[in-house]
């Protein structure tokens, strides 16, 4: 869900791709339709992947996803995580076109 404003602004929504064997056409078929409109994915039983117009942007996006995962893991272990409302998400600033609405 939409929990961390920083992740939403810098990376956008990060969908989870169902499992398929590494390097298989099936995995490609699952990933391909998600590439437009996203800049990072979580591949079930594989891990995260991000991309961008250059290596630095892709790296910053991956660091954002990894940081968010650590924060959410800690928060969930301490109790309930409350997502932002749709209104709160819509009110987030758009930073230089880096946000991805999904």
PDB file of N, CA and C in Angstrom:
ATOM      1  N   UNK A   1       0.806  -1.192   0.000  1.00  0.00           N
ATOM      2  CA  UNK A   1       0.000   0.000   0.000  1.00  0.00           C
ATOM      3  C   UNK A   1       0.844   1.249   0.000  1.00  0.00           C
ATOM      4  N   UNK A   2       0.184   2.330  -0.020  1.00  0.00           N
ATOM      5  CA  UNK A   2       0.833   3.640  -0.006  1.00  0.00           C
ATOM      6  C   UNK A   2       1.077   4.050   1.438  1.00  0.00           C
ATOM      7  N   UNK A   3       2.301   3.808   1.915  1.00  0.00           N
ATOM      8  CA  UNK A   3       2.623   4.072   3.309  1.00  0.00           C
ATOM      9  C   UNK A   3       3.657   5.176   3.457  1.00  0.00           C
ATOM     10  N   UNK A   4       4.705   5.138   2.668  1.00  0.00           N
ATOM     11  CA  UNK A   4       5.813   6.079   2.828  1.00  0.00           C
ATOM     12  C   UNK A   4       5.777   7.149   1.734  1.00  0.00           C
ATOM     13  N   UNK A   5       5.525   8.395   2.120  1.00  0.00           N
ATOM     14  CA  UNK A   5       5.451   9.459   1.111  1.00  0.00           C
ATOM     15  C   UNK A   5       6.712   9.559   0.261  1.00  0.00           C
ATOM     16  N   UNK A   6       7.873   9.377   0.878  1.00  0.00           N
ATOM     17  CA  UNK A   6       9.125   9.507   0.138  1.00  0.00           C
ATOM     18  C   UNK A   6       9.202   8.499  -0.998  1.00  0.00           C
ATOM     19  N   UNK A   7       8.781   7.269  -0.743  1.00  0.00           N
ATOM     20  CA  UNK A   7       8.817   6.251  -1.789  1.00  0.00           C
ATOM     21  C   UNK A   7       7.840   6.593  -2.909  1.00  0.00           C
ATOM     22  N   UNK A   8       6.665   7.053  -2.553  1.00  0.00           N
ATOM     23  CA  UNK A   8       5.655   7.400  -3.554  1.00  0.00           C
ATOM     24  C   UNK A   8       6.175   8.526  -4.449  1.00  0.00           C
ATOM     25  N   UNK A   9       6.805   9.534  -3.844  1.00  0.00           N
ATOM     26  CA  UNK A   9       7.283  10.682  -4.608  1.00  0.00           C
ATOM     27  C   UNK A   9       8.484  10.317  -5.478  1.00  0.00           C
ATOM     28  N   UNK A  10       9.430   9.562  -4.923  1.00  0.00           N
ATOM     29  CA  UNK A  10      10.676   9.285  -5.643  1.00  0.00           C
ATOM     30  C   UNK A  10      10.595   8.097  -6.600  1.00  0.00           C
ATOM     31  N   UNK A  11       9.750   7.115  -6.275  1.00  0.00           N
ATOM     32  CA  UNK A  11       9.727   5.883  -7.056  1.00  0.00           C
ATOM     33  C   UNK A  11       8.336   5.579  -7.612  1.00  0.00           C
ATOM     34  N   UNK A  12       7.308   5.946  -6.903  1.00  0.00           N
ATOM     35  CA  UNK A  12       5.953   5.583  -7.296  1.00  0.00           C
ATOM     36  C   UNK A  12       5.588   4.227  -6.715  1.00  0.00           C
ATOM     37  N   UNK A  13       4.519   3.674  -7.184  1.00  0.00           N
ATOM     38  CA  UNK A  13       4.093   2.360  -6.696  1.00  0.00           C
ATOM     39  C   UNK A  13       5.045   1.293  -7.223  1.00  0.00           C
ATOM     40  N   UNK A  14       5.296   0.294  -6.370  1.00  0.00           N
ATOM     41  CA  UNK A  14       6.214  -0.793  -6.723  1.00  0.00           C
ATOM     42  C   UNK A  14       5.407  -2.093  -6.686  1.00  0.00           C
ATOM     43  N   UNK A  15       4.934  -2.552  -7.842  1.00  0.00           N
ATOM     44  CA  UNK A  15       4.128  -3.770  -7.857  1.00  0.00           C
ATOM     45  C   UNK A  15       4.968  -5.021  -7.614  1.00  0.00           C
ATOM     46  N   UNK A  16       4.296  -6.060  -7.123  1.00  0.00           N
ATOM     47  CA  UNK A  16       4.923  -7.371  -6.943  1.00  0.00           C
ATOM     48  C   UNK A  16       4.577  -8.225  -8.150  1.00  0.00           C
ATOM     49  N   UNK A  17       5.604  -8.766  -8.791  1.00  0.00           N
ATOM     50  CA  UNK A  17       5.440  -9.630  -9.955  1.00  0.00           C
ATOM     51  C   UNK A  17       5.386 -11.070  -9.459  1.00  0.00           C
ATOM     52  N   UNK A  18       4.375 -11.846  -9.842  1.00  0.00           N
ATOM     53  CA  UNK A  18       4.318 -13.245  -9.413  1.00  0.00           C
ATOM     54  C   UNK A  18       5.563 -14.017  -9.832  1.00  0.00           C
ATOM     55  N   UNK A  19       5.839 -15.097  -9.143  1.00  0.00           N
ATOM     56  CA  UNK A  19       7.028 -15.899  -9.419  1.00  0.00           C
ATOM     57  C   UNK A  19       6.977 -16.550 -10.798  1.00  0.00           C
ATOM     58  N   UNK A  20       8.118 -16.546 -11.437  1.00  0.00           N
ATOM     59  CA  UNK A  20       8.395 -17.338 -12.638  1.00  0.00           C
ATOM     60  C   UNK A  20       9.888 -17.642 -12.593  1.00  0.00           C
ATOM     61  N   UNK A  21      10.305 -18.685 -13.242  1.00  0.00           N
ATOM     62  CA  UNK A  21      11.702 -19.117 -13.216  1.00  0.00           C
ATOM     63  C   UNK A  21      12.628 -18.014 -13.729  1.00  0.00           C
ATOM     64  N   UNK A  22      13.804 -17.868 -13.129  1.00  0.00           N
ATOM     65  CA  UNK A  22      14.762 -16.849 -13.566  1.00  0.00           C
ATOM     66  C   UNK A  22      15.109 -17.009 -15.046  1.00  0.00           C
ATOM     67  N   UNK A  23      15.103 -15.907 -15.773  1.00  0.00           N
ATOM     68  CA  UNK A  23      15.482 -15.911 -17.176  1.00  0.00           C
ATOM     69  C   UNK A  23      14.474 -16.543 -18.110  1.00  0.00           C
ATOM     70  N   UNK A  24      13.326 -16.917 -17.589  1.00  0.00           N
ATOM     71  CA  UNK A  24      12.336 -17.609 -18.427  1.00  0.00           C
ATOM     72  C   UNK A  24      11.497 -16.616 -19.227  1.00  0.00           C
ATOM     73  N   UNK A  25      10.972 -17.067 -20.365  1.00  0.00           N
ATOM     74  CA  UNK A  25      10.032 -16.223 -21.108  1.00  0.00           C
ATOM     75  C   UNK A  25       8.812 -15.855 -20.253  1.00  0.00           C
ATOM     76  N   UNK A  26       8.412 -16.746 -19.356  1.00  0.00           N
ATOM     77  CA  UNK A  26       7.255 -16.460 -18.497  1.00  0.00           C
ATOM     78  C   UNK A  26       7.530 -15.250 -17.604  1.00  0.00           C
ATOM     79  N   UNK A  27       8.740 -15.153 -17.064  1.00  0.00           N
ATOM     80  CA  UNK A  27       9.079 -13.995 -16.232  1.00  0.00           C
ATOM     81  C   UNK A  27       9.062 -12.724 -17.076  1.00  0.00           C
ATOM     82  N   UNK A  28       9.620 -12.789 -18.257  1.00  0.00           N
ATOM     83  CA  UNK A  28       9.578 -11.638 -19.159  1.00  0.00           C
ATOM     84  C   UNK A  28       8.156 -11.220 -19.482  1.00  0.00           C
ATOM     85  N   UNK A  29       7.289 -12.191 -19.696  1.00  0.00           N
ATOM     86  CA  UNK A  29       5.890 -11.892 -20.004  1.00  0.00           C
ATOM     87  C   UNK A  29       5.187 -11.206 -18.831  1.00  0.00           C
ATOM     88  N   UNK A  30       5.590 -11.544 -17.598  1.00  0.00           N
ATOM     89  CA  UNK A  30       4.990 -10.914 -16.429  1.00  0.00           C
ATOM     90  C   UNK A  30       5.535  -9.500 -16.198  1.00  0.00           C
ATOM     91  N   UNK A  31       6.810  -9.306 -16.487  1.00  0.00           N
ATOM     92  CA  UNK A  31       7.467  -8.020 -16.239  1.00  0.00           C
ATOM     93  C   UNK A  31       7.125  -6.992 -17.318  1.00  0.00           C
ATOM     94  N   UNK A  32       7.150  -7.408 -18.562  1.00  0.00           N
ATOM     95  CA  UNK A  32       7.021  -6.480 -19.691  1.00  0.00           C
ATOM     96  C   UNK A  32       5.845  -5.504 -19.580  1.00  0.00           C
ATOM     97  N   UNK A  33       4.629  -5.953 -19.249  1.00  0.00           N
ATOM     98  CA  UNK A  33       3.526  -4.985 -19.207  1.00  0.00           C
ATOM     99  C   UNK A  33       3.622  -4.000 -18.044  1.00  0.00           C
ATOM    100  N   UNK A  34       4.471  -4.281 -17.053  1.00  0.00           N
ATOM    101  CA  UNK A  34       4.594  -3.387 -15.903  1.00  0.00           C
ATOM    102  C   UNK A  34       5.670  -2.325 -16.075  1.00  0.00           C
ATOM    103  N   UNK A  35       6.548  -2.503 -17.058  1.00  0.00           N
ATOM    104  CA  UNK A  35       7.650  -1.555 -17.234  1.00  0.00           C
ATOM    105  C   UNK A  35       7.125  -0.143 -17.537  1.00  0.00           C
ATOM    106  N   UNK A  36       6.215   0.036 -18.487  1.00  0.00           N
ATOM    107  CA  UNK A  36       5.668   1.386 -18.664  1.00  0.00           C
ATOM    108  C   UNK A  36       4.854   1.765 -17.419  1.00  0.00           C
ATOM    109  N   UNK A  37       5.123   2.913 -16.888  1.00  0.00           N
ATOM    110  CA  UNK A  37       4.351   3.365 -15.720  1.00  0.00           C
ATOM    111  C   UNK A  37       4.966   3.024 -14.384  1.00  0.00           C
ATOM    112  N   UNK A  38       6.088   2.320 -14.364  1.00  0.00           N
ATOM    113  CA  UNK A  38       6.783   1.998 -13.119  1.00  0.00           C
ATOM    114  C   UNK A  38       8.285   2.169 -13.333  1.00  0.00           C
ATOM    115  N   UNK A  39       8.997   2.322 -12.223  1.00  0.00           N
ATOM    116  CA  UNK A  39      10.456   2.409 -12.305  1.00  0.00           C
ATOM    117  C   UNK A  39      11.131   1.393 -11.395  1.00  0.00           C
ATOM    118  N   UNK A  40      10.322   0.576 -10.724  1.00  0.00           N
ATOM    119  CA  UNK A  40      10.858  -0.482  -9.865  1.00  0.00           C
ATOM    120  C   UNK A  40       9.795  -1.559  -9.705  1.00  0.00           C
ATOM    121  N   UNK A  41      10.260  -2.788  -9.532  1.00  0.00           N
ATOM    122  CA  UNK A  41       9.370  -3.929  -9.323  1.00  0.00           C
ATOM    123  C   UNK A  41       9.957  -4.810  -8.231  1.00  0.00           C
ATOM    124  N   UNK A  42       9.092  -5.535  -7.544  1.00  0.00           N
ATOM    125  CA  UNK A  42       9.521  -6.609  -6.654  1.00  0.00           C
ATOM    126  C   UNK A  42       9.179  -7.915  -7.356  1.00  0.00           C
ATOM    127  N   UNK A  43      10.189  -8.712  -7.635  1.00  0.00           N
ATOM    128  CA  UNK A  43       9.987  -9.992  -8.304  1.00  0.00           C
ATOM    129  C   UNK A  43       9.881 -11.068  -7.221  1.00  0.00           C
ATOM    130  N   UNK A  44       8.711 -11.696  -7.104  1.00  0.00           N
ATOM    131  CA  UNK A  44       8.485 -12.698  -6.060  1.00  0.00           C
ATOM    132  C   UNK A  44       9.565 -13.771  -6.102  1.00  0.00           C
ATOM    133  N   UNK A  45      10.165 -14.047  -4.965  1.00  0.00           N
ATOM    134  CA  UNK A  45      11.215 -15.052  -4.788  1.00  0.00           C
ATOM    135  C   UNK A  45      12.512 -14.709  -5.513  1.00  0.00           C
ATOM    136  N   UNK A  46      12.640 -13.461  -6.006  1.00  0.00           N
ATOM    137  CA  UNK A  46      13.864 -13.019  -6.667  1.00  0.00           C
ATOM    138  C   UNK A  46      14.432 -11.789  -5.968  1.00  0.00           C
ATOM    139  N   UNK A  47      13.632 -10.763  -5.810  1.00  0.00           N
ATOM    140  CA  UNK A  47      14.101  -9.514  -5.218  1.00  0.00           C
ATOM    141  C   UNK A  47      13.608  -8.325  -6.018  1.00  0.00           C
ATOM    142  N   UNK A  48      14.224  -7.188  -5.747  1.00  0.00           N
ATOM    143  CA  UNK A  48      13.805  -5.942  -6.376  1.00  0.00           C
ATOM    144  C   UNK A  48      14.659  -5.632  -7.596  1.00  0.00           C
ATOM    145  N   UNK A  49      14.071  -4.875  -8.503  1.00  0.00           N
ATOM    146  CA  UNK A  49      14.777  -4.386  -9.686  1.00  0.00           C
ATOM    147  C   UNK A  49      14.282  -2.961  -9.942  1.00  0.00           C
ATOM    148  N   UNK A  50      15.195  -2.087 -10.337  1.00  0.00           N
ATOM    149  CA  UNK A  50      14.811  -0.717 -10.690  1.00  0.00           C
ATOM    150  C   UNK A  50      15.571  -0.309 -11.945  1.00  0.00           C
ATOM    151  N   UNK A  51      15.120   0.770 -12.557  1.00  0.00           N
ATOM    152  CA  UNK A  51      15.777   1.260 -13.760  1.00  0.00           C
ATOM    153  C   UNK A  51      15.555   2.760 -13.858  1.00  0.00           C
ATOM    154  N   UNK A  52      16.239   3.380 -14.785  1.00  0.00           N
ATOM    155  CA  UNK A  52      16.093   4.807 -14.995  1.00  0.00           C
ATOM    156  C   UNK A  52      16.858   5.241 -16.222  1.00  0.00           C
ATOM    157  N   UNK A  53      16.855   6.539 -16.481  1.00  0.00           N
ATOM    158  CA  UNK A  53      17.525   7.048 -17.673  1.00  0.00           C
ATOM    159  C   UNK A  53      19.047   6.951 -17.583  1.00  0.00           C
ATOM    160  N   UNK A  54      19.557   6.755 -16.359  1.00  0.00           N
ATOM    161  CA  UNK A  54      20.995   6.598 -16.164  1.00  0.00           C
ATOM    162  C   UNK A  54      21.220   5.728 -14.926  1.00  0.00           C
ATOM    163  N   UNK A  55      22.442   5.276 -14.762  1.00  0.00           N
ATOM    164  CA  UNK A  55      22.769   4.367 -13.663  1.00  0.00           C
ATOM    165  C   UNK A  55      22.530   5.006 -12.307  1.00  0.00           C
ATOM    166  N   UNK A  56      22.856   6.279 -12.147  1.00  0.00           N
ATOM    167  CA  UNK A  56      22.671   6.963 -10.855  1.00  0.00           C
ATOM    168  C   UNK A  56      21.199   6.996 -10.460  1.00  0.00           C
ATOM    169  N   UNK A  57      20.326   7.311 -11.386  1.00  0.00           N
ATOM    170  CA  UNK A  57      18.889   7.349 -11.096  1.00  0.00           C
ATOM    171  C   UNK A  57      18.391   5.966 -10.702  1.00  0.00           C
ATOM    172  N   UNK A  58      18.797   4.950 -11.446  1.00  0.00           N
ATOM    173  CA  UNK A  58      18.388   3.580 -11.118  1.00  0.00           C
ATOM    174  C   UNK A  58      18.880   3.197  -9.728  1.00  0.00           C
ATOM    175  N   UNK A  59      20.106   3.580  -9.385  1.00  0.00           N
ATOM    176  CA  UNK A  59      20.665   3.267  -8.067  1.00  0.00           C
ATOM    177  C   UNK A  59      19.892   3.988  -6.965  1.00  0.00           C
ATOM    178  N   UNK A  60      19.580   5.260  -7.143  1.00  0.00           N
ATOM    179  CA  UNK A  60      18.818   5.998  -6.141  1.00  0.00           C
ATOM    180  C   UNK A  60      17.441   5.389  -5.934  1.00  0.00           C
ATOM    181  N   UNK A  61      16.829   4.948  -7.004  1.00  0.00           N
ATOM    182  CA  UNK A  61      15.515   4.308  -6.890  1.00  0.00           C
ATOM    183  C   UNK A  61      15.623   3.001  -6.119  1.00  0.00           C
ATOM    184  N   UNK A  62      16.667   2.215  -6.393  1.00  0.00           N
ATOM    185  CA  UNK A  62      16.851   0.961  -5.666  1.00  0.00           C
ATOM    186  C   UNK A  62      17.106   1.231  -4.191  1.00  0.00           C
ATOM    187  N   UNK A  63      17.926   2.220  -3.889  1.00  0.00           N
ATOM    188  CA  UNK A  63      18.172   2.564  -2.491  1.00  0.00           C
ATOM    189  C   UNK A  63      16.888   2.986  -1.797  1.00  0.00           C
ATOM    190  N   UNK A  64      16.011   3.701  -2.491  1.00  0.00           N
ATOM    191  CA  UNK A  64      14.728   4.103  -1.922  1.00  0.00           C
ATOM    192  C   UNK A  64      13.851   2.890  -1.625  1.00  0.00           C
ATOM    193  N   UNK A  65      13.818   1.943  -2.559  1.00  0.00           N
ATOM    194  CA  UNK A  65      13.027   0.720  -2.354  1.00  0.00           C
ATOM    195  C   UNK A  65      13.581  -0.080  -1.175  1.00  0.00           C
ATOM    196  N   UNK A  66      14.896  -0.235  -1.111  1.00  0.00           N
ATOM    197  CA  UNK A  66      15.506  -0.996  -0.012  1.00  0.00           C
ATOM    198  C   UNK A  66      15.274  -0.322   1.331  1.00  0.00           C
ATOM    199  N   UNK A  67      15.396   0.998   1.387  1.00  0.00           N
ATOM    200  CA  UNK A  67      15.150   1.729   2.627  1.00  0.00           C
ATOM    201  C   UNK A  67      13.695   1.552   3.059  1.00  0.00           C
ATOM    202  N   UNK A  68      12.777   1.684   2.111  1.00  0.00           N
ATOM    203  CA  UNK A  68      11.359   1.516   2.429  1.00  0.00           C
ATOM    204  C   UNK A  68      11.079   0.114   2.960  1.00  0.00           C
ATOM    205  N   UNK A  69      11.716  -0.896   2.376  1.00  0.00           N
ATOM    206  CA  UNK A  69      11.509  -2.276   2.838  1.00  0.00           C
ATOM    207  C   UNK A  69      11.964  -2.429   4.285  1.00  0.00           C
ATOM    208  N   UNK A  70      13.108  -1.833   4.629  1.00  0.00           N
ATOM    209  CA  UNK A  70      13.598  -1.908   6.013  1.00  0.00           C
ATOM    210  C   UNK A  70      12.649  -1.199   6.970  1.00  0.00           C
ATOM    211  N   UNK A  71      12.188  -0.010   6.590  1.00  0.00           N
ATOM    212  CA  UNK A  71      11.271   0.752   7.435  1.00  0.00           C
ATOM    213  C   UNK A  71       9.970  -0.016   7.633  1.00  0.00           C
ATOM    214  N   UNK A  72       9.414  -0.554   6.550  1.00  0.00           N
ATOM    215  CA  UNK A  72       8.142  -1.278   6.659  1.00  0.00           C
ATOM    216  C   UNK A  72       8.289  -2.566   7.459  1.00  0.00           C
ATOM    217  N   UNK A  73       9.390  -3.277   7.306  1.00  0.00           N
ATOM    218  CA  UNK A  73       9.619  -4.484   8.096  1.00  0.00           C
ATOM    219  C   UNK A  73       9.660  -4.145   9.576  1.00  0.00           C
ATOM    220  N   UNK A  74      10.386  -3.105   9.926  1.00  0.00           N
ATOM    221  CA  UNK A  74      10.472  -2.686  11.327  1.00  0.00           C
ATOM    222  C   UNK A  74       9.114  -2.234  11.845  1.00  0.00           C
ATOM    223  N   UNK A  75       8.429  -1.421  11.060  1.00  0.00           N
ATOM    224  CA  UNK A  75       7.124  -0.917  11.486  1.00  0.00           C
ATOM    225  C   UNK A  75       6.125  -2.055  11.688  1.00  0.00           C
ATOM    226  N   UNK A  76       6.108  -3.011  10.776  1.00  0.00           N
ATOM    227  CA  UNK A  76       5.172  -4.139  10.905  1.00  0.00           C
ATOM    228  C   UNK A  76       5.516  -5.012  12.098  1.00  0.00           C
ATOM    229  N   UNK A  77       6.787  -5.128  12.428  1.00  0.00           N
ATOM    230  CA  UNK A  77       7.156  -5.938  13.586  1.00  0.00           C
ATOM    231  C   UNK A  77       6.769  -5.245  14.890  1.00  0.00           C
ATOM    232  N   UNK A  78       6.621  -3.928  14.848  1.00  0.00           N
ATOM    233  CA  UNK A  78       6.245  -3.165  16.040  1.00  0.00           C
ATOM    234  C   UNK A  78       4.740  -2.988  16.170  1.00  0.00           C
ATOM    235  N   UNK A  79       4.008  -3.239  15.116  1.00  0.00           N
ATOM    236  CA  UNK A  79       2.555  -3.067  15.171  1.00  0.00           C
ATOM    237  C   UNK A  79       1.967  -2.834  13.811  1.00  0.00           C
ATOM    238  N   UNK A  80       0.830  -2.208  13.806  1.00  0.00           N
ATOM    239  CA  UNK A  80       0.064  -1.976  12.589  1.00  0.00           C
ATOM    240  C   UNK A  80       0.658  -0.833  11.764  1.00  0.00           C
ATOM    241  N   UNK A  81       0.649  -0.984  10.441  1.00  0.00           N
ATOM    242  CA  UNK A  81       1.097   0.056   9.516  1.00  0.00           C
ATOM    243  C   UNK A  81      -0.150   0.662   8.883  1.00  0.00           C
ATOM    244  N   UNK A  82      -0.280   1.966   8.973  1.00  0.00           N
ATOM    245  CA  UNK A  82      -1.459   2.650   8.453  1.00  0.00           C
ATOM    246  C   UNK A  82      -1.124   3.325   7.134  1.00  0.00           C
ATOM    247  N   UNK A  83      -1.771   2.904   6.041  1.00  0.00           N
ATOM    248  CA  UNK A  83      -1.486   3.526   4.739  1.00  0.00           C
ATOM    249  C   UNK A  83      -2.017   4.955   4.674  1.00  0.00           C
ATOM    250  N   UNK A  84      -1.432   5.719   3.779  1.00  0.00           N
ATOM    251  CA  UNK A  84      -1.955   7.046   3.483  1.00  0.00           C
ATOM    252  C   UNK A  84      -3.299   6.903   2.774  1.00  0.00           C
ATOM    253  N   UNK A  85      -4.149   7.898   2.945  1.00  0.00           N
ATOM    254  CA  UNK A  85      -5.421   7.898   2.229  1.00  0.00           C
ATOM    255  C   UNK A  85      -5.166   8.297   0.771  1.00  0.00           C
ATOM    256  N   UNK A  86      -6.087   7.979  -0.119  1.00  0.00           N
ATOM    257  CA  UNK A  86      -5.919   8.430  -1.514  1.00  0.00           C
ATOM    258  C   UNK A  86      -5.761   9.949  -1.617  1.00  0.00           C
ATOM    259  N   UNK A  87      -6.468  10.695  -0.775  1.00  0.00           N
ATOM    260  CA  UNK A  87      -6.357  12.150  -0.786  1.00  0.00           C
ATOM    261  C   UNK A  87      -4.946  12.591  -0.388  1.00  0.00           C
ATOM    262  N   UNK A  88      -4.366  11.930   0.621  1.00  0.00           N
ATOM    263  CA  UNK A  88      -3.010  12.260   1.041  1.00  0.00           C
ATOM    264  C   UNK A  88      -2.000  11.944  -0.071  1.00  0.00           C
ATOM    265  N   UNK A  89      -2.207  10.850  -0.761  1.00  0.00           N
ATOM    266  CA  UNK A  89      -1.303  10.491  -1.870  1.00  0.00           C
ATOM    267  C   UNK A  89      -1.411  11.523  -2.982  1.00  0.00           C
ATOM    268  N   UNK A  90      -2.632  11.918  -3.330  1.00  0.00           N
ATOM    269  CA  UNK A  90      -2.814  12.909  -4.402  1.00  0.00           C
ATOM    270  C   UNK A  90      -2.195  14.252  -4.045  1.00  0.00           C
ATOM    271  N   UNK A  91      -2.113  14.572  -2.755  1.00  0.00           N
ATOM    272  CA  UNK A  91      -1.571  15.857  -2.311  1.00  0.00           C
ATOM    273  C   UNK A  91      -0.043  15.891  -2.288  1.00  0.00           C
ATOM    274  N   UNK A  92       0.598  14.745  -2.499  1.00  0.00           N
ATOM    275  CA  UNK A  92       2.062  14.730  -2.471  1.00  0.00           C
ATOM    276  C   UNK A  92       2.623  15.542  -3.630  1.00  0.00           C
ATOM    277  N   UNK A  93       3.750  16.215  -3.379  1.00  0.00           N
ATOM    278  CA  UNK A  93       4.342  17.010  -4.467  1.00  0.00           C
ATOM    279  C   UNK A  93       4.892  16.126  -5.572  1.00  0.00           C
ATOM    280  N   UNK A  94       4.894  16.652  -6.748  1.00  0.00           N
ATOM    281  CA  UNK A  94       5.507  15.976  -7.889  1.00  0.00           C
ATOM    282  C   UNK A  94       6.883  16.581  -8.071  1.00  0.00           C
ATOM    283  N   UNK A  95       7.928  15.756  -7.928  1.00  0.00           N
ATOM    284  CA  UNK A  95       9.286  16.261  -7.987  1.00  0.00           C
ATOM    285  C   UNK A  95       9.886  16.047  -9.370  1.00  0.00           C
ATOM    286  N   UNK A  96       9.889  17.078 -10.144  1.00  0.00           N
ATOM    287  CA  UNK A  96      10.568  17.047 -11.439  1.00  0.00           C
ATOM    288  C   UNK A  96      10.127  15.914 -12.344  1.00  0.00           C
ATOM    289  N   UNK A  97       8.873  15.516 -12.256  1.00  0.00           N
ATOM    290  CA  UNK A  97       8.376  14.448 -13.104  1.00  0.00           C
ATOM    291  C   UNK A  97       8.864  13.072 -12.716  1.00  0.00           C
ATOM    292  N   UNK A  98       9.446  12.933 -11.505  1.00  0.00           N
ATOM    293  CA  UNK A  98       9.969  11.638 -11.120  1.00  0.00           C
ATOM    294  C   UNK A  98       8.912  10.719 -10.535  1.00  0.00           C
ATOM    295  N   UNK A  99       7.753  11.269 -10.177  1.00  0.00           N
ATOM    296  CA  UNK A  99       6.733  10.411  -9.620  1.00  0.00           C
ATOM    297  C   UNK A  99       6.067   9.629 -10.749  1.00  0.00           C
ATOM    298  N   UNK A 100       5.638   8.453 -10.405  1.00  0.00           N
ATOM    299  CA  UNK A 100       4.957   7.583 -11.365  1.00  0.00           C
ATOM    300  C   UNK A 100       3.588   7.288 -10.797  1.00  0.00           C
ATOM    301  N   UNK A 101       2.559   7.719 -11.481  1.00  0.00           N
ATOM    302  CA  UNK A 101       1.203   7.404 -11.051  1.00  0.00           C
ATOM    303  C   UNK A 101       0.830   6.061 -11.622  1.00  0.00           C
ATOM    304  N   UNK A 102       0.373   5.154 -10.745  1.00  0.00           N
ATOM    305  CA  UNK A 102       0.080   3.811 -11.231  1.00  0.00           C
ATOM    306  C   UNK A 102      -1.203   3.397 -10.841  1.00  0.00           C
TER     307      UNK A 102
END
